[in-house]
């Protein structure tokens, strides 16, 4: 049910893709309702449906709205369904990311999160150097955030010299950093 700009941001975070994505933004949730993943509240579960070139439904992956699907699993499914397209898309397994950084301000985030964007601006306004870790590019970071946030993927999450702050709470962040 994401908007076209949201889907574009997601595609960009994957390094760009050229296969078609469906925005179920308007009419709001019409496709989600047909596929049985629209909640009565007007939101949907986080669901991925892969439909092949012949229009056949090949894959369904449904998560709670707070859970993110594993992109590597998605790549593997796409490689199985359409190996030629996978080669064209360069959907090859990504190399293992570097170990998680420690010390100073480490912000665990995602490229599309609005709170992460606000946190970047806030840190810049306060001239605070930080290390940014994209939880969708680094599976270990994703699991670390899930552990700190008691099972959810909350971004941004900060590790400030070992003090963990889940979510962008400006007052608490300033307090931890001893800003006036």
N, C-alpha and C. Protein backbone atom coordinates (compact mmCIF):
# COMPACT_ATOMS: atom_id res chain seq x y z
N UNK A 1 0.83 -1.19 0.00
CA UNK A 1 0.00 0.00 0.00
C UNK A 1 0.87 1.26 0.00
N UNK A 2 2.18 1.08 -0.20
CA UNK A 2 3.08 2.22 -0.21
C UNK A 2 2.87 3.07 -1.45
N UNK A 3 3.19 4.33 -1.32
CA UNK A 3 3.09 5.24 -2.45
C UNK A 3 4.23 4.97 -3.43
N UNK A 4 4.13 5.52 -4.61
CA UNK A 4 5.17 5.36 -5.63
C UNK A 4 6.52 5.88 -5.12
N UNK A 5 6.59 7.10 -4.49
CA UNK A 5 7.89 7.56 -3.98
C UNK A 5 8.49 6.62 -2.93
N UNK A 6 7.66 6.03 -2.10
CA UNK A 6 8.13 5.08 -1.09
C UNK A 6 8.71 3.83 -1.76
N UNK A 7 8.02 3.32 -2.77
CA UNK A 7 8.52 2.16 -3.50
C UNK A 7 9.82 2.48 -4.22
N UNK A 8 9.92 3.70 -4.76
CA UNK A 8 11.17 4.11 -5.42
C UNK A 8 12.32 4.15 -4.43
N UNK A 9 12.07 4.69 -3.24
CA UNK A 9 13.10 4.74 -2.20
C UNK A 9 13.54 3.33 -1.82
N UNK A 10 12.57 2.41 -1.71
CA UNK A 10 12.91 1.02 -1.39
C UNK A 10 13.75 0.41 -2.51
N UNK A 11 13.34 0.62 -3.75
CA UNK A 11 14.08 0.08 -4.89
C UNK A 11 15.49 0.67 -4.92
N UNK A 12 15.62 1.96 -4.65
CA UNK A 12 16.93 2.60 -4.63
C UNK A 12 17.80 2.01 -3.52
N UNK A 13 17.19 1.69 -2.37
CA UNK A 13 17.96 1.12 -1.26
C UNK A 13 18.49 -0.27 -1.62
N UNK A 14 17.88 -0.92 -2.59
CA UNK A 14 18.34 -2.22 -3.06
C UNK A 14 19.38 -2.09 -4.17
N UNK A 15 19.72 -0.87 -4.53
CA UNK A 15 20.67 -0.65 -5.60
C UNK A 15 19.99 -0.42 -6.94
N UNK A 16 18.69 -0.24 -6.92
CA UNK A 16 17.94 0.00 -8.15
C UNK A 16 17.47 -1.30 -8.76
N UNK A 17 16.23 -1.31 -9.20
CA UNK A 17 15.66 -2.47 -9.87
C UNK A 17 14.84 -1.97 -11.05
N UNK A 18 14.64 -2.85 -12.01
CA UNK A 18 13.89 -2.42 -13.20
C UNK A 18 12.60 -3.21 -13.41
N UNK A 19 12.33 -4.20 -12.57
CA UNK A 19 11.07 -4.91 -12.75
C UNK A 19 9.94 -4.09 -12.11
N UNK A 20 8.74 -4.37 -12.50
CA UNK A 20 7.58 -3.57 -12.08
C UNK A 20 7.22 -3.78 -10.62
N UNK A 21 6.89 -2.69 -9.96
CA UNK A 21 6.38 -2.73 -8.59
C UNK A 21 4.98 -2.14 -8.61
N UNK A 22 4.10 -2.65 -7.78
CA UNK A 22 2.73 -2.17 -7.72
C UNK A 22 2.54 -1.30 -6.49
N UNK A 23 2.09 -0.08 -6.69
CA UNK A 23 1.69 0.78 -5.58
C UNK A 23 0.20 0.62 -5.39
N UNK A 24 -0.19 0.18 -4.21
CA UNK A 24 -1.60 -0.04 -3.88
C UNK A 24 -2.12 1.15 -3.07
N UNK A 25 -1.55 2.31 -3.36
CA UNK A 25 -1.85 3.52 -2.59
C UNK A 25 -3.24 4.08 -2.92
N UNK A 26 -3.61 4.00 -4.21
CA UNK A 26 -4.92 4.53 -4.60
C UNK A 26 -5.50 3.70 -5.72
N UNK A 27 -6.73 3.24 -5.67
CA UNK A 27 -7.59 3.37 -4.51
C UNK A 27 -6.99 2.61 -3.33
N UNK A 28 -7.03 3.25 -2.19
CA UNK A 28 -6.32 2.79 -1.01
C UNK A 28 -6.61 1.34 -0.66
N UNK A 29 -5.58 0.49 -0.82
CA UNK A 29 -5.68 -0.89 -0.37
C UNK A 29 -6.52 -1.83 -1.19
N UNK A 30 -6.89 -1.44 -2.40
CA UNK A 30 -7.78 -2.30 -3.21
C UNK A 30 -7.14 -3.66 -3.48
N UNK A 31 -5.87 -3.69 -3.81
CA UNK A 31 -5.20 -4.96 -4.10
C UNK A 31 -4.95 -5.74 -2.81
N UNK A 32 -4.53 -5.02 -1.75
CA UNK A 32 -4.31 -5.68 -0.46
C UNK A 32 -5.58 -6.37 0.00
N UNK A 33 -6.71 -5.74 -0.20
CA UNK A 33 -7.98 -6.35 0.19
C UNK A 33 -8.24 -7.62 -0.63
N UNK A 34 -7.98 -7.57 -1.94
CA UNK A 34 -8.19 -8.74 -2.79
C UNK A 34 -7.30 -9.91 -2.38
N UNK A 35 -6.07 -9.59 -1.90
CA UNK A 35 -5.13 -10.63 -1.50
C UNK A 35 -5.27 -11.03 -0.03
N UNK A 36 -6.21 -10.42 0.68
CA UNK A 36 -6.50 -10.82 2.05
C UNK A 36 -5.53 -10.31 3.10
N UNK A 37 -4.81 -9.22 2.82
CA UNK A 37 -3.85 -8.72 3.80
C UNK A 37 -4.19 -7.31 4.31
N UNK A 38 -5.39 -6.82 3.97
CA UNK A 38 -5.82 -5.51 4.45
C UNK A 38 -6.44 -5.67 5.83
N UNK A 39 -5.92 -4.91 6.78
CA UNK A 39 -6.47 -4.93 8.14
C UNK A 39 -7.73 -4.07 8.19
N UNK A 40 -8.63 -4.33 9.13
CA UNK A 40 -9.84 -3.50 9.26
C UNK A 40 -9.52 -2.03 9.55
N UNK A 41 -8.33 -1.77 10.07
CA UNK A 41 -7.92 -0.39 10.39
C UNK A 41 -7.49 0.40 9.16
N UNK A 42 -7.41 -0.25 8.00
CA UNK A 42 -7.00 0.45 6.78
C UNK A 42 -5.53 0.30 6.45
N UNK A 43 -4.80 -0.43 7.27
CA UNK A 43 -3.40 -0.74 6.99
C UNK A 43 -3.32 -2.18 6.52
N UNK A 44 -2.21 -2.52 5.92
CA UNK A 44 -2.04 -3.92 5.51
C UNK A 44 -0.88 -4.52 6.27
N UNK A 45 -0.85 -5.84 6.25
CA UNK A 45 0.35 -6.51 6.73
C UNK A 45 1.45 -6.16 5.74
N UNK A 46 2.71 -6.34 6.10
CA UNK A 46 3.80 -6.12 5.15
C UNK A 46 3.86 -7.38 4.29
N UNK A 47 3.45 -7.24 3.05
CA UNK A 47 3.31 -8.41 2.19
C UNK A 47 4.01 -8.21 0.85
N UNK A 48 4.65 -9.26 0.40
CA UNK A 48 5.28 -9.29 -0.92
C UNK A 48 4.63 -10.41 -1.71
N UNK A 49 4.23 -10.08 -2.92
CA UNK A 49 3.68 -11.06 -3.84
C UNK A 49 4.50 -10.96 -5.10
N UNK A 50 5.04 -12.08 -5.57
CA UNK A 50 5.81 -12.08 -6.82
C UNK A 50 4.96 -12.78 -7.86
N UNK A 51 4.73 -12.06 -8.95
CA UNK A 51 3.92 -12.57 -10.06
C UNK A 51 4.84 -12.68 -11.27
N UNK A 52 4.87 -13.85 -11.90
CA UNK A 52 5.79 -14.05 -13.02
C UNK A 52 5.29 -13.38 -14.29
N UNK A 53 6.07 -13.49 -15.34
CA UNK A 53 5.75 -12.84 -16.61
C UNK A 53 4.44 -13.33 -17.22
N UNK A 54 4.01 -14.52 -16.85
CA UNK A 54 2.76 -15.07 -17.37
C UNK A 54 1.56 -14.68 -16.50
N UNK A 55 1.80 -13.93 -15.43
CA UNK A 55 0.72 -13.49 -14.56
C UNK A 55 0.37 -14.47 -13.46
N UNK A 56 1.23 -15.47 -13.24
CA UNK A 56 0.98 -16.46 -12.20
C UNK A 56 1.63 -16.04 -10.90
N UNK A 57 0.89 -16.17 -9.82
CA UNK A 57 1.42 -15.86 -8.50
C UNK A 57 2.42 -16.95 -8.12
N UNK A 58 3.68 -16.54 -7.91
CA UNK A 58 4.75 -17.49 -7.64
C UNK A 58 5.22 -17.50 -6.19
N UNK A 59 4.98 -16.42 -5.46
CA UNK A 59 5.56 -16.31 -4.12
C UNK A 59 4.73 -15.35 -3.29
N UNK A 60 4.52 -15.72 -2.04
CA UNK A 60 3.83 -14.86 -1.07
C UNK A 60 4.67 -14.83 0.19
N UNK A 61 4.91 -13.63 0.71
CA UNK A 61 5.65 -13.46 1.95
C UNK A 61 4.92 -12.40 2.77
N UNK A 62 4.30 -12.81 3.87
CA UNK A 62 3.51 -11.89 4.69
C UNK A 62 4.15 -11.78 6.08
N UNK A 63 4.37 -10.55 6.50
CA UNK A 63 4.94 -10.27 7.82
C UNK A 63 4.03 -9.30 8.54
N UNK A 64 4.18 -9.22 9.85
CA UNK A 64 3.54 -8.18 10.61
C UNK A 64 4.06 -6.84 10.10
N UNK A 65 3.27 -5.80 10.20
CA UNK A 65 3.63 -4.49 9.66
C UNK A 65 4.96 -3.97 10.21
N UNK A 66 5.33 -4.35 11.43
CA UNK A 66 6.58 -3.88 12.03
C UNK A 66 7.80 -4.69 11.61
N UNK A 67 7.59 -5.77 10.88
CA UNK A 67 8.69 -6.62 10.43
C UNK A 67 9.05 -6.31 8.99
N UNK A 68 10.33 -6.33 8.70
CA UNK A 68 10.80 -6.12 7.34
C UNK A 68 11.17 -7.47 6.73
N UNK A 69 10.81 -7.69 5.47
CA UNK A 69 11.22 -8.94 4.82
C UNK A 69 12.73 -8.94 4.58
N UNK A 70 13.28 -10.13 4.46
CA UNK A 70 14.70 -10.29 4.21
C UNK A 70 14.96 -10.15 2.71
N UNK A 71 15.69 -9.12 2.33
CA UNK A 71 15.95 -8.87 0.91
C UNK A 71 16.73 -10.01 0.26
N UNK A 72 17.64 -10.63 0.99
CA UNK A 72 18.40 -11.74 0.41
C UNK A 72 17.48 -12.90 0.07
N UNK A 73 16.48 -13.15 0.91
CA UNK A 73 15.51 -14.20 0.62
C UNK A 73 14.71 -13.85 -0.63
N UNK A 74 14.33 -12.59 -0.74
CA UNK A 74 13.61 -12.11 -1.92
C UNK A 74 14.45 -12.31 -3.17
N UNK A 75 15.74 -11.95 -3.11
CA UNK A 75 16.64 -12.15 -4.26
C UNK A 75 16.70 -13.62 -4.65
N UNK A 76 16.80 -14.50 -3.66
CA UNK A 76 16.90 -15.93 -3.96
C UNK A 76 15.64 -16.42 -4.68
N UNK A 77 14.48 -15.97 -4.24
CA UNK A 77 13.23 -16.35 -4.89
C UNK A 77 13.20 -15.83 -6.32
N UNK A 78 13.58 -14.58 -6.51
CA UNK A 78 13.59 -14.00 -7.86
C UNK A 78 14.55 -14.76 -8.78
N UNK A 79 15.70 -15.17 -8.24
CA UNK A 79 16.66 -15.94 -9.05
C UNK A 79 16.05 -17.28 -9.46
N UNK A 80 15.28 -17.90 -8.58
CA UNK A 80 14.64 -19.19 -8.89
C UNK A 80 13.56 -19.03 -9.94
N UNK A 81 12.75 -17.99 -9.81
CA UNK A 81 11.61 -17.80 -10.70
C UNK A 81 12.04 -17.39 -12.10
N UNK A 82 13.01 -16.49 -12.18
CA UNK A 82 13.41 -15.96 -13.48
C UNK A 82 14.93 -15.74 -13.51
N UNK A 83 15.70 -16.82 -13.73
CA UNK A 83 17.16 -16.69 -13.70
C UNK A 83 17.71 -15.66 -14.68
N UNK A 84 17.12 -15.55 -15.87
CA UNK A 84 17.60 -14.59 -16.85
C UNK A 84 17.41 -13.15 -16.35
N UNK A 85 16.24 -12.85 -15.83
CA UNK A 85 16.00 -11.52 -15.30
C UNK A 85 16.90 -11.25 -14.10
N UNK A 86 17.13 -12.27 -13.30
CA UNK A 86 18.01 -12.11 -12.14
C UNK A 86 19.42 -11.73 -12.58
N UNK A 87 19.88 -12.35 -13.66
CA UNK A 87 21.20 -11.98 -14.17
C UNK A 87 21.20 -10.54 -14.66
N UNK A 88 20.14 -10.14 -15.33
CA UNK A 88 20.05 -8.77 -15.82
C UNK A 88 19.98 -7.78 -14.66
N UNK A 89 19.30 -8.15 -13.60
CA UNK A 89 19.16 -7.29 -12.44
C UNK A 89 20.38 -7.34 -11.54
N UNK A 90 21.29 -8.28 -11.82
CA UNK A 90 22.46 -8.47 -10.97
C UNK A 90 22.04 -8.80 -9.55
N UNK A 91 21.06 -9.69 -9.44
CA UNK A 91 20.56 -10.10 -8.13
C UNK A 91 21.46 -11.19 -7.55
N UNK A 92 22.72 -10.87 -7.44
CA UNK A 92 23.66 -11.82 -6.87
C UNK A 92 23.76 -11.58 -5.38
N UNK A 93 24.09 -12.62 -4.63
CA UNK A 93 24.21 -12.42 -3.19
C UNK A 93 25.23 -11.33 -2.89
N UNK A 94 24.92 -10.50 -1.92
CA UNK A 94 25.81 -9.41 -1.55
C UNK A 94 26.92 -9.93 -0.66
N UNK A 95 28.10 -9.28 -0.74
CA UNK A 95 29.19 -9.71 0.14
C UNK A 95 28.84 -9.44 1.60
N UNK A 96 29.48 -10.19 2.48
CA UNK A 96 29.24 -10.00 3.91
C UNK A 96 29.68 -8.59 4.32
N UNK A 97 28.83 -7.87 5.05
CA UNK A 97 29.18 -6.54 5.49
C UNK A 97 30.26 -6.56 6.57
N UNK A 98 30.88 -5.41 6.75
CA UNK A 98 31.91 -5.25 7.78
C UNK A 98 31.28 -5.41 9.16
N UNK A 99 32.10 -5.70 10.17
CA UNK A 99 31.56 -5.80 11.53
C UNK A 99 30.91 -4.48 11.96
N UNK A 100 30.04 -4.57 12.93
CA UNK A 100 29.34 -3.38 13.41
C UNK A 100 30.33 -2.44 14.10
N UNK A 101 30.18 -1.13 13.84
CA UNK A 101 31.10 -0.17 14.46
C UNK A 101 30.80 0.03 15.94
N UNK A 102 31.79 0.48 16.67
CA UNK A 102 31.65 0.77 18.10
C UNK A 102 32.34 2.09 18.40
N UNK A 103 31.84 2.80 19.39
CA UNK A 103 32.45 4.04 19.84
C UNK A 103 31.87 5.25 19.14
N UNK A 104 31.75 6.33 19.89
CA UNK A 104 31.16 7.54 19.34
C UNK A 104 29.67 7.37 19.15
N UNK A 105 29.13 8.09 18.18
CA UNK A 105 27.71 8.01 17.87
C UNK A 105 27.53 7.11 16.66
N UNK A 106 26.83 6.02 16.86
CA UNK A 106 26.50 5.12 15.76
C UNK A 106 24.98 5.15 15.61
N UNK A 107 24.51 5.51 14.42
CA UNK A 107 23.08 5.58 14.15
C UNK A 107 22.70 4.43 13.21
N UNK A 108 21.85 3.55 13.71
CA UNK A 108 21.32 2.45 12.91
C UNK A 108 20.02 2.95 12.29
N UNK A 109 19.94 2.88 10.96
CA UNK A 109 18.82 3.52 10.28
C UNK A 109 18.50 2.82 8.98
N UNK A 110 17.61 3.44 8.22
CA UNK A 110 17.32 3.00 6.86
C UNK A 110 17.28 4.25 5.98
N UNK A 111 17.48 4.06 4.71
CA UNK A 111 17.56 5.21 3.81
C UNK A 111 16.23 5.93 3.63
N UNK A 112 15.12 5.23 3.84
CA UNK A 112 13.80 5.81 3.55
C UNK A 112 13.06 6.30 4.78
N UNK A 113 13.56 6.05 5.97
CA UNK A 113 12.86 6.39 7.22
C UNK A 113 12.85 7.90 7.46
N UNK A 114 11.67 8.48 7.68
CA UNK A 114 11.57 9.93 7.90
C UNK A 114 12.22 10.34 9.22
N UNK A 115 12.11 9.53 10.26
CA UNK A 115 12.79 9.85 11.53
C UNK A 115 14.30 9.82 11.36
N UNK A 116 14.81 8.90 10.54
CA UNK A 116 16.25 8.85 10.28
C UNK A 116 16.70 10.12 9.57
N UNK A 117 15.91 10.59 8.63
CA UNK A 117 16.24 11.84 7.93
C UNK A 117 16.28 13.01 8.91
N UNK A 118 15.31 13.06 9.82
CA UNK A 118 15.30 14.13 10.82
C UNK A 118 16.50 14.02 11.75
N UNK A 119 16.86 12.80 12.13
CA UNK A 119 18.01 12.60 13.01
C UNK A 119 19.30 13.04 12.33
N UNK A 120 19.45 12.74 11.04
CA UNK A 120 20.64 13.18 10.30
C UNK A 120 20.75 14.71 10.35
N UNK A 121 19.63 15.37 10.10
CA UNK A 121 19.63 16.84 10.13
C UNK A 121 19.97 17.36 11.52
N UNK A 122 19.40 16.76 12.55
CA UNK A 122 19.64 17.17 13.93
C UNK A 122 21.11 17.02 14.28
N UNK A 123 21.71 15.89 13.92
CA UNK A 123 23.12 15.67 14.19
C UNK A 123 24.00 16.67 13.45
N UNK A 124 23.64 16.97 12.21
CA UNK A 124 24.38 17.95 11.42
C UNK A 124 24.27 19.34 12.03
N UNK A 125 23.05 19.73 12.44
CA UNK A 125 22.84 21.04 13.07
C UNK A 125 23.67 21.20 14.33
N UNK A 126 23.91 20.10 15.03
CA UNK A 126 24.70 20.15 16.27
C UNK A 126 26.17 19.82 16.03
N UNK A 127 26.57 19.74 14.76
CA UNK A 127 27.96 19.45 14.39
C UNK A 127 28.50 18.20 15.09
N UNK A 128 27.69 17.17 15.11
CA UNK A 128 28.07 15.92 15.77
C UNK A 128 28.45 14.87 14.73
N UNK A 129 29.69 14.43 14.74
CA UNK A 129 30.07 13.36 13.82
C UNK A 129 29.43 12.05 14.26
N UNK A 130 29.06 11.24 13.30
CA UNK A 130 28.42 9.96 13.62
C UNK A 130 28.71 8.97 12.51
N UNK A 131 28.54 7.72 12.84
CA UNK A 131 28.66 6.64 11.87
C UNK A 131 27.25 6.12 11.61
N UNK A 132 26.91 5.98 10.34
CA UNK A 132 25.58 5.52 9.96
C UNK A 132 25.65 4.08 9.47
N UNK A 133 24.73 3.24 9.95
CA UNK A 133 24.67 1.85 9.54
C UNK A 133 23.26 1.57 9.04
N UNK A 134 23.12 1.19 7.77
CA UNK A 134 21.83 0.86 7.18
C UNK A 134 21.47 -0.57 7.58
N UNK A 135 20.39 -0.71 8.33
CA UNK A 135 20.02 -2.04 8.84
C UNK A 135 19.57 -2.98 7.73
N UNK A 136 19.21 -2.45 6.56
CA UNK A 136 18.78 -3.31 5.46
C UNK A 136 19.94 -3.72 4.57
N UNK A 137 21.08 -3.08 4.75
CA UNK A 137 22.27 -3.47 4.01
C UNK A 137 23.17 -4.38 4.85
N UNK A 138 22.88 -4.45 6.15
CA UNK A 138 23.73 -5.21 7.06
C UNK A 138 22.85 -6.08 7.96
N UNK A 139 22.75 -7.38 7.66
CA UNK A 139 21.90 -8.27 8.45
C UNK A 139 22.24 -8.28 9.94
N UNK A 140 23.53 -8.16 10.27
CA UNK A 140 23.91 -8.15 11.69
C UNK A 140 23.36 -6.90 12.37
N UNK A 141 23.35 -5.77 11.67
CA UNK A 141 22.80 -4.54 12.23
C UNK A 141 21.30 -4.68 12.45
N UNK A 142 20.64 -5.31 11.51
CA UNK A 142 19.19 -5.53 11.61
C UNK A 142 18.88 -6.36 12.86
N UNK A 143 19.63 -7.41 13.07
CA UNK A 143 19.40 -8.26 14.24
C UNK A 143 19.76 -7.53 15.53
N UNK A 144 20.80 -6.70 15.49
CA UNK A 144 21.18 -5.95 16.68
C UNK A 144 20.08 -4.97 17.08
N UNK A 145 19.53 -4.25 16.10
CA UNK A 145 18.45 -3.32 16.38
C UNK A 145 17.23 -4.07 16.91
N UNK A 146 16.92 -5.20 16.33
CA UNK A 146 15.79 -6.01 16.78
C UNK A 146 15.99 -6.42 18.25
N UNK A 147 17.20 -6.75 18.62
CA UNK A 147 17.50 -7.13 20.01
C UNK A 147 17.32 -5.92 20.94
N UNK A 148 17.90 -4.78 20.56
CA UNK A 148 17.81 -3.58 21.40
C UNK A 148 16.36 -3.10 21.52
N UNK A 149 15.58 -3.23 20.44
CA UNK A 149 14.21 -2.71 20.41
C UNK A 149 13.18 -3.78 20.79
N UNK A 150 13.63 -4.80 21.48
CA UNK A 150 12.74 -5.86 21.99
C UNK A 150 11.86 -6.49 20.91
N UNK A 151 12.51 -6.80 19.78
CA UNK A 151 11.82 -7.52 18.72
C UNK A 151 11.37 -6.70 17.53
N UNK A 152 11.29 -5.38 17.67
CA UNK A 152 10.85 -4.57 16.52
C UNK A 152 12.06 -3.96 15.80
N UNK A 153 11.82 -3.49 14.62
CA UNK A 153 12.87 -2.81 13.85
C UNK A 153 12.60 -1.31 13.91
N UNK A 154 13.05 -0.68 14.97
CA UNK A 154 12.81 0.74 15.18
C UNK A 154 14.03 1.52 14.72
N UNK A 155 13.80 2.45 13.80
CA UNK A 155 14.90 3.31 13.35
C UNK A 155 14.46 4.76 13.48
N UNK A 156 15.44 5.62 13.79
CA UNK A 156 16.82 5.29 14.09
C UNK A 156 16.96 4.73 15.50
N UNK A 157 17.98 3.92 15.67
CA UNK A 157 18.42 3.46 16.98
C UNK A 157 19.88 3.87 17.10
N UNK A 158 20.23 4.42 18.25
CA UNK A 158 21.58 4.94 18.46
C UNK A 158 22.35 4.10 19.46
N UNK A 159 23.62 3.92 19.19
CA UNK A 159 24.59 3.37 20.14
C UNK A 159 25.59 4.48 20.38
N UNK A 160 25.52 5.09 21.56
CA UNK A 160 26.39 6.22 21.88
C UNK A 160 27.34 5.75 22.96
N UNK A 161 28.52 5.32 22.53
CA UNK A 161 29.52 4.79 23.46
C UNK A 161 28.92 3.76 24.40
N UNK A 162 28.07 2.89 23.88
CA UNK A 162 27.48 1.80 24.66
C UNK A 162 26.12 2.11 25.27
N UNK A 163 25.69 3.37 25.23
CA UNK A 163 24.35 3.72 25.69
C UNK A 163 23.41 3.62 24.50
N UNK A 164 22.35 2.83 24.62
CA UNK A 164 21.45 2.58 23.51
C UNK A 164 20.21 3.46 23.65
N UNK A 165 19.85 4.10 22.56
CA UNK A 165 18.62 4.90 22.50
C UNK A 165 17.83 4.41 21.30
N UNK A 166 16.66 3.84 21.58
CA UNK A 166 15.80 3.34 20.52
C UNK A 166 14.83 4.44 20.14
N UNK A 167 14.85 4.85 18.89
CA UNK A 167 14.01 5.88 18.29
C UNK A 167 14.66 7.26 18.46
N UNK A 168 14.13 8.23 17.75
CA UNK A 168 14.70 9.57 17.72
C UNK A 168 13.98 10.44 18.74
N UNK A 169 14.53 10.46 19.94
CA UNK A 169 14.03 11.29 21.04
C UNK A 169 15.06 12.39 21.24
N UNK A 170 14.79 13.58 20.70
CA UNK A 170 15.77 14.66 20.72
C UNK A 170 16.21 15.03 22.13
N UNK A 171 15.27 15.12 23.06
CA UNK A 171 15.61 15.51 24.43
C UNK A 171 16.54 14.46 25.06
N UNK A 172 16.19 13.20 24.90
CA UNK A 172 17.02 12.13 25.49
C UNK A 172 18.38 12.07 24.80
N UNK A 173 18.42 12.27 23.49
CA UNK A 173 19.67 12.27 22.74
C UNK A 173 20.57 13.40 23.23
N UNK A 174 20.01 14.59 23.40
CA UNK A 174 20.77 15.74 23.91
C UNK A 174 21.29 15.46 25.31
N UNK A 175 20.47 14.81 26.13
CA UNK A 175 20.86 14.48 27.50
C UNK A 175 22.04 13.51 27.49
N UNK A 176 21.96 12.46 26.69
CA UNK A 176 23.04 11.48 26.61
C UNK A 176 24.33 12.12 26.12
N UNK A 177 24.20 13.03 25.15
CA UNK A 177 25.38 13.69 24.56
C UNK A 177 25.83 14.91 25.37
N UNK A 178 25.10 15.20 26.46
CA UNK A 178 25.41 16.33 27.35
C UNK A 178 25.45 17.66 26.60
N UNK A 179 24.41 17.86 25.75
CA UNK A 179 24.28 19.10 25.01
C UNK A 179 23.47 20.09 25.83
N UNK A 180 23.78 21.36 25.69
CA UNK A 180 23.03 22.39 26.41
C UNK A 180 21.83 22.81 25.61
